[in-house]
N, C-alpha and C. Protein backbone atom coordinates (compact mmCIF):
# COMPACT_ATOMS: atom_id res chain seq x y z
N MET A 1 54.12 94.69 41.69
CA MET A 1 54.08 96.12 41.31
C MET A 1 54.79 97.01 42.21
N SER A 2 55.49 98.02 41.86
CA SER A 2 56.28 98.93 42.65
C SER A 2 55.66 100.32 42.53
N LYS A 3 55.36 100.70 43.58
CA LYS A 3 54.47 102.16 43.86
C LYS A 3 55.32 103.33 44.01
N ALA A 4 54.79 104.57 43.58
CA ALA A 4 55.35 105.89 44.06
C ALA A 4 54.39 106.96 44.35
N LEU A 5 54.47 107.69 45.11
CA LEU A 5 53.41 108.71 45.12
C LEU A 5 54.05 110.08 44.20
N LEU A 6 52.96 110.18 43.30
CA LEU A 6 53.20 111.61 42.50
C LEU A 6 52.49 112.86 42.88
N ILE A 7 53.08 113.97 43.03
CA ILE A 7 52.51 115.13 43.70
C ILE A 7 52.68 116.21 42.41
N ILE A 8 51.67 116.60 42.06
CA ILE A 8 51.78 117.64 40.71
C ILE A 8 51.58 119.00 41.07
N ASP A 9 52.34 119.65 40.74
CA ASP A 9 52.21 121.35 40.81
C ASP A 9 51.64 121.81 42.18
N VAL A 10 52.02 121.31 43.35
CA VAL A 10 51.45 121.90 44.47
C VAL A 10 52.47 122.82 44.97
N GLN A 11 52.20 124.21 44.43
CA GLN A 11 53.11 125.24 44.21
C GLN A 11 52.45 126.43 45.03
N THR A 12 53.21 127.45 45.76
CA THR A 12 52.73 128.50 46.57
C THR A 12 51.40 129.46 45.55
N ASP A 13 51.68 129.81 44.44
CA ASP A 13 50.76 130.34 43.70
C ASP A 13 50.17 129.99 42.49
N ILE A 14 50.14 128.44 42.76
CA ILE A 14 48.95 127.85 41.71
C ILE A 14 47.95 128.26 41.54
N LEU A 15 47.20 128.56 42.50
CA LEU A 15 45.68 129.31 42.32
C LEU A 15 45.65 130.63 42.46
N LYS A 16 46.82 131.31 42.12
CA LYS A 16 46.57 132.88 41.72
C LYS A 16 46.16 132.96 40.31
N VAL A 17 44.76 132.51 40.13
CA VAL A 17 44.09 132.70 38.71
C VAL A 17 42.77 133.20 39.05
N PRO A 18 42.13 133.67 37.92
CA PRO A 18 40.69 134.00 38.15
C PRO A 18 39.97 132.93 38.56
N GLY A 19 38.96 133.01 39.62
CA GLY A 19 38.04 131.93 40.06
C GLY A 19 38.54 131.24 41.25
N ALA A 20 39.71 131.62 41.59
CA ALA A 20 40.40 131.22 42.83
C ALA A 20 39.97 132.21 44.19
N VAL A 21 39.12 132.90 44.01
CA VAL A 21 38.71 133.96 45.20
C VAL A 21 37.85 133.45 46.10
N ARG A 22 37.11 132.73 45.66
CA ARG A 22 36.00 132.13 46.35
C ARG A 22 36.54 131.38 47.77
N PRO A 23 36.09 131.47 48.90
CA PRO A 23 36.82 131.03 50.07
C PRO A 23 36.93 129.30 50.02
N ALA A 24 35.56 128.85 49.30
CA ALA A 24 35.65 127.51 49.27
C ALA A 24 37.03 127.09 48.45
N VAL A 25 37.24 127.80 47.57
CA VAL A 25 38.67 127.03 46.71
C VAL A 25 39.73 127.17 47.60
N ARG A 26 39.98 128.24 48.49
CA ARG A 26 41.08 128.31 49.01
C ARG A 26 40.95 127.12 50.32
N GLU A 27 39.91 127.02 50.79
CA GLU A 27 39.76 125.89 51.93
C GLU A 27 39.93 124.63 51.41
N ARG A 28 39.51 124.12 50.06
CA ARG A 28 39.85 123.10 49.55
C ARG A 28 41.20 122.74 49.25
N PHE A 29 41.80 123.73 48.71
CA PHE A 29 43.41 123.85 48.66
C PHE A 29 44.07 123.38 49.86
N ASP A 30 43.66 123.86 50.95
CA ASP A 30 44.16 123.70 52.25
C ASP A 30 44.07 122.23 52.70
N GLN A 31 42.95 121.82 52.61
CA GLN A 31 42.37 120.37 52.90
C GLN A 31 42.90 119.52 51.90
N VAL A 32 43.46 119.70 50.57
CA VAL A 32 43.76 118.80 49.65
C VAL A 32 45.39 118.81 50.08
N ARG A 33 46.15 119.75 50.58
CA ARG A 33 47.58 119.74 50.90
C ARG A 33 47.63 119.00 52.17
N GLY A 34 46.71 119.04 53.00
CA GLY A 34 46.66 118.17 54.41
C GLY A 34 46.79 116.82 54.01
N ARG A 35 45.83 116.45 53.08
CA ARG A 35 45.69 114.71 52.75
C ARG A 35 46.93 114.61 51.89
N ILE A 36 47.48 115.48 51.35
CA ILE A 36 48.67 114.97 50.53
C ILE A 36 49.99 114.67 51.46
N ALA A 37 50.05 115.87 52.57
CA ALA A 37 50.90 115.71 53.52
C ALA A 37 50.85 114.38 54.26
N ASP A 38 49.63 113.91 54.47
CA ASP A 38 49.43 112.52 55.23
C ASP A 38 49.93 111.46 54.62
N LEU A 39 49.68 111.42 53.06
CA LEU A 39 50.05 110.48 52.12
C LEU A 39 51.70 110.38 52.15
N VAL A 40 52.14 111.62 52.12
CA VAL A 40 53.61 111.75 52.13
C VAL A 40 54.38 111.09 53.37
N ARG A 41 53.71 111.20 54.49
CA ARG A 41 54.10 110.63 55.90
C ARG A 41 54.02 109.23 55.55
N GLN A 42 52.82 108.62 55.01
CA GLN A 42 52.51 107.35 54.96
C GLN A 42 53.91 106.67 54.23
N ALA A 43 54.02 107.37 53.02
CA ALA A 43 54.86 106.90 51.87
C ALA A 43 56.38 106.71 52.58
N ARG A 44 56.87 107.72 53.24
CA ARG A 44 58.08 107.76 54.05
C ARG A 44 57.99 106.39 55.04
N GLU A 45 57.13 106.20 55.68
CA GLU A 45 57.09 105.21 56.58
C GLU A 45 57.24 103.69 56.10
N ARG A 46 56.82 103.86 54.87
CA ARG A 46 56.93 102.45 54.08
C ARG A 46 57.85 102.35 52.91
N ASP A 47 58.84 103.26 53.07
CA ASP A 47 59.89 103.34 51.84
C ASP A 47 59.35 103.56 50.54
N VAL A 48 58.19 104.15 50.40
CA VAL A 48 57.55 104.52 48.99
C VAL A 48 58.04 105.68 48.39
N PRO A 49 58.63 105.81 47.33
CA PRO A 49 59.23 107.17 46.90
C PRO A 49 58.38 108.04 46.69
N VAL A 50 58.48 109.17 46.88
CA VAL A 50 57.92 110.48 46.49
C VAL A 50 58.27 111.42 45.65
N VAL A 51 57.79 111.62 44.54
CA VAL A 51 58.15 112.41 43.39
C VAL A 51 57.05 113.63 43.23
N PHE A 52 57.98 114.73 43.33
CA PHE A 52 57.25 116.01 43.20
C PHE A 52 57.32 116.61 41.84
N VAL A 53 56.43 117.15 41.30
CA VAL A 53 56.30 117.60 39.91
C VAL A 53 56.39 119.19 40.17
N GLN A 54 57.17 119.88 39.59
CA GLN A 54 57.12 121.41 39.76
C GLN A 54 57.06 121.85 38.28
N HIS A 55 55.94 122.76 38.18
CA HIS A 55 55.90 123.47 36.91
C HIS A 55 56.92 124.80 36.85
N ASP A 56 57.61 124.84 35.77
CA ASP A 56 58.27 126.16 35.31
C ASP A 56 57.76 126.98 34.77
N GLY A 57 57.35 128.14 35.12
CA GLY A 57 56.61 129.20 34.32
C GLY A 57 57.58 130.17 33.85
N GLY A 58 57.28 130.77 32.71
CA GLY A 58 58.02 131.81 32.16
C GLY A 58 57.71 133.08 32.63
N GLN A 59 58.65 134.01 32.23
CA GLN A 59 58.62 135.26 32.89
C GLN A 59 57.42 135.82 32.92
N GLY A 60 56.66 136.41 34.17
CA GLY A 60 55.65 136.95 34.45
C GLY A 60 54.45 135.97 34.84
N HIS A 61 54.68 134.64 34.50
CA HIS A 61 53.89 133.79 35.02
C HIS A 61 53.69 133.48 36.30
N ARG A 62 52.49 132.94 36.74
CA ARG A 62 52.44 133.11 38.44
C ARG A 62 53.22 132.02 38.94
N LEU A 63 53.86 131.07 38.19
CA LEU A 63 54.82 130.08 38.40
C LEU A 63 56.08 130.51 38.05
N GLU A 64 56.34 131.66 37.85
CA GLU A 64 57.75 132.00 37.22
C GLU A 64 58.96 131.30 38.16
N THR A 65 59.71 130.47 37.26
CA THR A 65 60.82 129.90 37.87
C THR A 65 61.51 130.81 38.71
N GLY A 66 61.90 130.11 40.05
CA GLY A 66 62.58 130.97 41.02
C GLY A 66 62.05 131.96 41.84
N THR A 67 60.95 132.33 41.51
CA THR A 67 59.98 133.10 42.38
C THR A 67 59.47 132.55 43.45
N PRO A 68 58.96 133.21 44.72
CA PRO A 68 58.18 132.72 45.81
C PRO A 68 57.25 131.97 45.48
N GLY A 69 56.41 132.34 44.27
CA GLY A 69 55.00 131.58 43.89
C GLY A 69 55.31 130.11 43.19
N TRP A 70 56.83 130.21 42.81
CA TRP A 70 56.97 128.83 42.13
C TRP A 70 57.54 127.81 43.15
N GLU A 71 57.51 127.86 44.35
CA GLU A 71 57.95 127.03 45.50
C GLU A 71 57.05 125.97 45.55
N ILE A 72 57.40 124.94 45.98
CA ILE A 72 56.72 123.77 46.30
C ILE A 72 56.03 124.12 47.61
N CYS A 73 54.86 123.91 48.00
CA CYS A 73 54.28 124.40 49.29
C CYS A 73 54.94 123.53 50.25
N GLY A 74 55.42 124.45 51.48
CA GLY A 74 56.16 123.88 52.35
C GLY A 74 55.67 122.82 53.47
N ASP A 75 54.32 123.09 53.50
CA ASP A 75 53.66 122.06 54.39
C ASP A 75 53.43 120.55 54.03
N LEU A 76 54.20 120.29 52.76
CA LEU A 76 53.90 118.89 52.32
C LEU A 76 54.84 118.06 52.72
N GLY A 77 55.92 118.40 53.50
CA GLY A 77 56.82 117.50 54.09
C GLY A 77 58.02 117.25 53.27
N ARG A 78 58.16 117.83 52.11
CA ARG A 78 59.36 117.61 51.15
C ARG A 78 60.80 117.67 51.87
N THR A 79 61.56 116.66 51.53
CA THR A 79 62.84 116.53 52.00
C THR A 79 63.80 116.73 50.81
N PRO A 80 65.06 116.72 51.17
CA PRO A 80 66.17 116.96 50.21
C PRO A 80 66.37 115.61 49.15
N ASP A 81 65.87 114.48 49.87
CA ASP A 81 65.77 113.31 49.27
C ASP A 81 64.68 113.10 48.23
N ASP A 82 63.85 113.77 48.20
CA ASP A 82 62.68 113.46 47.33
C ASP A 82 63.06 113.91 46.01
N ILE A 83 62.53 113.23 44.97
CA ILE A 83 62.89 113.39 43.62
C ILE A 83 61.90 114.41 43.27
N VAL A 84 62.43 115.60 42.34
CA VAL A 84 61.62 116.76 41.88
C VAL A 84 62.08 116.74 40.44
N VAL A 85 60.78 116.69 39.82
CA VAL A 85 60.82 116.74 38.08
C VAL A 85 60.13 118.01 37.98
N ARG A 86 61.07 118.68 37.15
CA ARG A 86 60.56 120.13 36.60
C ARG A 86 59.84 119.93 35.14
N LYS A 87 58.97 120.68 34.73
CA LYS A 87 58.33 120.51 33.62
C LYS A 87 57.46 121.98 33.25
N THR A 88 57.30 122.02 32.02
CA THR A 88 56.90 123.16 31.30
C THR A 88 55.53 122.87 30.52
N ALA A 89 54.74 121.83 30.51
CA ALA A 89 53.55 121.47 29.99
C ALA A 89 52.80 120.87 31.00
N CYS A 90 51.41 120.65 30.56
CA CYS A 90 50.44 120.13 31.31
C CYS A 90 50.71 118.60 31.60
N ASP A 91 51.52 118.17 30.57
CA ASP A 91 51.97 116.64 30.67
C ASP A 91 53.19 116.30 31.48
N SER A 92 53.16 115.93 32.87
CA SER A 92 54.15 115.74 33.51
C SER A 92 55.44 114.78 33.13
N PHE A 93 54.93 114.05 31.92
CA PHE A 93 55.83 113.48 31.15
C PHE A 93 56.75 113.70 29.73
N TYR A 94 55.94 114.99 29.43
CA TYR A 94 56.33 115.54 28.25
C TYR A 94 57.61 116.54 28.45
N GLY A 95 58.76 116.09 27.85
CA GLY A 95 59.91 116.96 27.79
C GLY A 95 60.72 117.12 29.12
N THR A 96 60.40 115.77 29.94
CA THR A 96 60.98 115.61 31.33
C THR A 96 61.51 114.39 31.47
N ASP A 97 62.12 114.18 32.61
CA ASP A 97 62.79 112.84 32.73
C ASP A 97 61.91 111.86 33.74
N LEU A 98 60.81 112.19 33.89
CA LEU A 98 59.88 111.50 34.68
C LEU A 98 59.82 109.97 34.50
N GLN A 99 59.69 109.61 33.22
CA GLN A 99 59.59 108.10 32.90
C GLN A 99 60.80 107.44 33.13
N ASP A 100 61.89 108.24 32.86
CA ASP A 100 63.31 107.55 33.25
C ASP A 100 63.38 107.64 34.71
N VAL A 101 62.91 108.50 35.50
CA VAL A 101 62.92 108.36 37.12
C VAL A 101 62.23 107.23 37.62
N LEU A 102 61.01 106.95 36.97
CA LEU A 102 60.08 106.02 37.56
C LEU A 102 60.76 104.54 36.97
N SER A 103 61.24 104.35 35.77
CA SER A 103 61.71 103.31 35.39
C SER A 103 62.99 102.83 36.11
N ALA A 104 63.89 103.65 36.44
CA ALA A 104 65.15 103.40 37.24
C ALA A 104 64.86 103.01 38.45
N ARG A 105 63.40 103.05 39.00
CA ARG A 105 63.14 102.58 40.20
C ARG A 105 62.15 101.49 40.29
N ARG A 106 61.89 101.04 38.89
CA ARG A 106 61.03 100.01 38.57
C ARG A 106 59.72 100.42 39.03
N ILE A 107 59.16 101.59 39.02
CA ILE A 107 57.83 101.60 39.43
C ILE A 107 56.82 101.64 38.27
N ASP A 108 55.86 101.12 38.58
CA ASP A 108 54.73 100.58 37.58
C ASP A 108 53.30 101.07 37.95
N HIS A 109 53.15 101.83 39.26
CA HIS A 109 51.80 102.13 40.02
C HIS A 109 52.28 103.38 40.54
N LEU A 110 51.44 104.43 40.11
CA LEU A 110 51.49 105.68 40.70
C LEU A 110 50.32 106.04 41.34
N VAL A 111 50.58 106.68 42.66
CA VAL A 111 49.47 107.20 43.36
C VAL A 111 49.72 108.79 42.91
N VAL A 112 48.35 109.30 42.38
CA VAL A 112 48.41 110.51 41.72
C VAL A 112 47.65 111.66 42.84
N THR A 113 48.34 112.78 42.98
CA THR A 113 47.70 113.91 43.77
C THR A 113 48.10 115.21 43.02
N GLY A 114 47.63 116.37 43.42
CA GLY A 114 48.09 117.48 42.86
C GLY A 114 46.82 118.51 42.42
N LEU A 115 47.46 119.46 41.40
CA LEU A 115 46.74 120.57 40.78
C LEU A 115 47.28 120.52 39.31
N MET A 116 46.49 121.18 38.56
CA MET A 116 45.11 121.57 38.76
C MET A 116 44.14 120.48 37.84
N THR A 117 43.31 120.20 38.58
CA THR A 117 42.49 118.90 38.19
C THR A 117 42.28 118.94 36.76
N GLN A 118 41.90 119.82 36.07
CA GLN A 118 41.44 119.72 34.53
C GLN A 118 42.65 119.93 33.62
N TYR A 119 43.75 120.25 34.33
CA TYR A 119 44.86 120.42 33.22
C TYR A 119 45.91 119.51 33.46
N CYS A 120 46.93 119.71 34.49
CA CYS A 120 48.08 119.06 34.53
C CYS A 120 48.00 117.78 35.14
N PHE A 121 46.91 117.66 36.15
CA PHE A 121 46.46 116.42 36.94
C PHE A 121 45.91 115.20 35.89
N ASP A 122 44.97 115.89 35.14
CA ASP A 122 44.18 115.06 34.16
C ASP A 122 45.07 114.37 33.04
N THR A 123 45.79 115.42 32.46
CA THR A 123 46.87 115.19 31.30
C THR A 123 47.71 114.05 31.82
N THR A 124 48.27 114.16 33.27
CA THR A 124 49.26 113.34 33.58
C THR A 124 48.79 112.00 33.75
N CYS A 125 47.64 111.83 34.49
CA CYS A 125 46.82 110.46 34.69
C CYS A 125 46.62 109.91 33.43
N ARG A 126 46.13 110.45 32.58
CA ARG A 126 45.86 109.77 30.98
C ARG A 126 47.27 109.14 30.59
N ARG A 127 48.31 110.32 30.46
CA ARG A 127 49.63 109.81 29.67
C ARG A 127 50.06 108.75 30.69
N ALA A 128 50.10 108.71 31.83
CA ALA A 128 50.43 107.61 32.72
C ALA A 128 50.09 106.31 32.38
N VAL A 129 48.53 106.08 32.25
CA VAL A 129 47.97 104.94 31.79
C VAL A 129 48.41 104.67 30.40
N SER A 130 48.36 105.57 29.44
CA SER A 130 49.05 105.33 28.00
C SER A 130 50.49 104.81 28.18
N LEU A 131 51.24 105.08 29.01
CA LEU A 131 52.59 104.56 29.03
C LEU A 131 52.71 103.19 29.76
N GLY A 132 51.64 102.75 30.41
CA GLY A 132 51.60 101.38 31.05
C GLY A 132 51.63 101.34 32.65
N TYR A 133 51.58 102.66 33.18
CA TYR A 133 51.46 102.74 34.50
C TYR A 133 50.03 102.64 35.03
N ASP A 134 49.72 101.57 35.95
CA ASP A 134 48.52 101.71 36.72
C ASP A 134 48.44 103.02 37.63
N VAL A 135 47.44 103.77 37.87
CA VAL A 135 47.19 104.82 38.52
C VAL A 135 46.14 104.52 39.58
N THR A 136 46.50 105.13 40.78
CA THR A 136 45.41 105.14 41.92
C THR A 136 45.43 106.83 41.86
N LEU A 137 44.16 107.39 41.47
CA LEU A 137 43.85 108.74 41.40
C LEU A 137 43.28 109.23 42.90
N VAL A 138 43.77 110.03 43.65
CA VAL A 138 43.40 110.12 45.05
C VAL A 138 42.32 111.17 44.87
N ALA A 139 40.93 110.68 45.11
CA ALA A 139 39.79 111.61 44.62
C ALA A 139 39.66 112.88 45.47
N ASP A 140 40.09 112.76 46.88
CA ASP A 140 40.22 114.16 47.51
C ASP A 140 41.34 114.70 47.74
N ALA A 141 42.44 114.43 46.81
CA ALA A 141 43.78 114.99 47.02
C ALA A 141 44.15 115.58 45.47
N HIS A 142 43.26 116.28 44.84
CA HIS A 142 43.48 116.96 43.78
C HIS A 142 42.42 118.20 43.84
N THR A 143 42.69 119.31 43.41
CA THR A 143 41.96 120.68 43.28
C THR A 143 42.29 121.31 42.03
N THR A 144 41.41 122.47 41.93
CA THR A 144 41.63 123.36 40.85
C THR A 144 40.88 124.74 41.53
N ALA A 145 40.58 125.47 40.57
CA ALA A 145 39.86 126.83 40.84
C ALA A 145 38.61 126.91 40.04
N ASP A 146 37.83 127.46 40.38
CA ASP A 146 36.53 127.61 39.72
C ASP A 146 36.66 128.16 38.29
N THR A 147 35.89 127.90 37.28
CA THR A 147 35.85 128.42 36.04
C THR A 147 34.73 129.31 35.93
N ASP A 148 34.50 129.72 34.52
CA ASP A 148 33.32 130.61 34.42
C ASP A 148 32.07 129.71 34.46
N LYS A 149 32.18 128.44 34.12
CA LYS A 149 31.07 127.43 33.79
C LYS A 149 30.90 126.60 35.11
N PHE A 150 31.98 126.30 35.79
CA PHE A 150 31.98 125.16 36.63
C PHE A 150 32.74 125.42 37.94
N THR A 151 32.14 125.08 39.06
CA THR A 151 32.76 125.02 40.33
C THR A 151 33.99 124.18 40.53
N VAL A 152 34.90 124.31 41.59
CA VAL A 152 35.77 123.30 41.68
C VAL A 152 35.39 122.08 42.18
N GLU A 153 34.22 122.22 42.92
CA GLU A 153 33.50 120.94 43.42
C GLU A 153 32.94 119.99 42.09
N GLN A 154 32.24 120.84 41.15
CA GLN A 154 32.03 120.11 39.99
C GLN A 154 33.16 119.52 39.16
N ILE A 155 34.05 120.34 38.96
CA ILE A 155 35.12 119.78 38.10
C ILE A 155 35.77 118.63 38.83
N VAL A 156 35.97 118.82 40.03
CA VAL A 156 36.70 117.40 40.64
C VAL A 156 35.61 116.15 40.58
N GLU A 157 34.53 116.47 40.95
CA GLU A 157 33.66 115.26 40.89
C GLU A 157 33.70 114.75 39.43
N HIS A 158 33.46 115.69 38.35
CA HIS A 158 33.51 115.18 37.02
C HIS A 158 34.55 114.31 36.82
N HIS A 159 35.89 114.85 37.00
CA HIS A 159 37.30 114.08 36.82
C HIS A 159 37.24 112.82 37.46
N ASN A 160 36.80 112.81 38.67
CA ASN A 160 36.57 111.69 39.50
C ASN A 160 36.05 110.51 38.79
N ALA A 161 34.79 110.97 38.56
CA ALA A 161 33.96 109.88 37.64
C ALA A 161 34.36 109.62 36.26
N LEU A 162 34.88 110.74 35.55
CA LEU A 162 35.29 110.24 34.21
C LEU A 162 36.41 109.49 34.07
N LEU A 163 37.55 109.55 34.89
CA LEU A 163 38.66 108.82 34.94
C LEU A 163 38.64 107.48 35.82
N ASP A 164 37.56 107.23 36.53
CA ASP A 164 37.61 106.12 37.23
C ASP A 164 37.10 104.71 36.09
N GLY A 165 38.54 104.01 35.97
CA GLY A 165 38.15 102.68 34.90
C GLY A 165 38.75 103.13 33.89
N PHE A 166 39.30 104.39 33.52
CA PHE A 166 40.11 104.69 32.20
C PHE A 166 41.06 103.85 31.97
N ASP A 167 41.43 103.15 30.89
CA ASP A 167 42.36 102.14 30.59
C ASP A 167 42.86 102.25 29.52
N ALA A 168 44.10 101.70 29.34
CA ALA A 168 45.11 101.62 28.11
C ALA A 168 45.64 100.28 28.03
N GLY A 169 45.14 99.53 27.38
CA GLY A 169 45.96 98.13 27.59
C GLY A 169 45.55 97.37 29.08
N ALA A 170 46.59 97.02 29.72
CA ALA A 170 46.29 96.34 30.93
C ALA A 170 46.24 97.51 32.07
N ALA A 171 46.80 98.51 31.77
CA ALA A 171 46.90 99.70 32.84
C ALA A 171 45.37 100.21 33.13
N THR A 172 45.18 100.73 34.19
CA THR A 172 43.77 101.34 34.61
C THR A 172 44.16 102.45 35.75
N ILE A 173 43.06 103.24 35.60
CA ILE A 173 42.93 104.16 36.49
C ILE A 173 41.88 103.82 37.60
N ARG A 174 42.28 103.73 38.91
CA ARG A 174 41.31 103.49 39.99
C ARG A 174 41.12 104.76 40.93
N VAL A 175 39.84 105.25 41.17
CA VAL A 175 39.78 106.37 41.94
C VAL A 175 39.49 105.95 43.42
N LYS A 176 40.13 106.52 44.49
CA LYS A 176 39.84 106.08 45.68
C LYS A 176 40.07 107.47 46.58
N PRO A 177 39.24 107.52 47.71
CA PRO A 177 39.60 108.55 48.69
C PRO A 177 40.98 108.40 49.31
N ALA A 178 41.52 109.46 49.99
CA ALA A 178 43.05 109.22 50.53
C ALA A 178 42.92 108.22 51.63
N SER A 179 41.74 108.06 52.37
CA SER A 179 41.55 107.08 53.51
C SER A 179 41.53 105.60 52.98
N ALA A 180 41.37 105.37 51.91
CA ALA A 180 41.30 104.07 51.27
C ALA A 180 42.77 103.67 50.63
N VAL A 181 43.68 104.82 50.54
CA VAL A 181 44.85 104.48 49.76
C VAL A 181 45.83 103.68 50.60
N GLU A 182 46.45 102.65 50.28
CA GLU A 182 47.42 101.99 50.92
C GLU A 182 48.74 102.18 50.36
N MET A 183 49.51 103.04 51.28
CA MET A 183 50.84 103.36 50.71
C MET A 183 52.04 102.37 51.17
N ARG A 184 51.80 101.21 50.35
CA ARG A 184 52.79 100.25 50.42
C ARG A 184 53.78 100.22 49.23
N PRO A 185 55.20 99.67 49.30
CA PRO A 185 55.96 99.76 48.12
C PRO A 185 55.62 98.94 47.15
N GLU A 186 54.85 97.71 47.47
CA GLU A 186 54.30 96.90 46.37
C GLU A 186 52.78 97.09 46.41
N ALA A 187 52.32 97.34 45.16
CA ALA A 187 50.72 97.68 45.31
C ALA A 187 50.15 96.31 45.32
């Protein structure tokens, strides 16, 4: 199996939503970015492709294309050689060339990180498995904002438990902390 690191929507203003005002939400975002940056470094050391997914928001959206808030966070270690797939929906595969990008590189295992847990992150993990990709969901390298009903901690914990073992045919999601993820080209 050939592996790639997938980083979803880690953009400057991604948390500029109601519910992101609690200090713990911002602290978690900082910690998640640090873990993702470590995974990016490990991926580069082992020649594992790094794929950034960037949400293109419409006019007035917090991720409006071309605005400072739309930019991928600078502390992730992105280079000009990295692949950037732009999307307009929660599913990183929908209406994008992500599957073509992965197929061209014979990728069949994704290490998935990013935001927002209950939207783009969850949807992309499920879709990836449905398309036949094995997924390593990095338990402590995704996050979101609080909602009216749940805290970020509850949302992340719920999705980690819910998605561990999710499968479609032979493809499966396995949840692991960043410290247990092996960034080797071959899974």
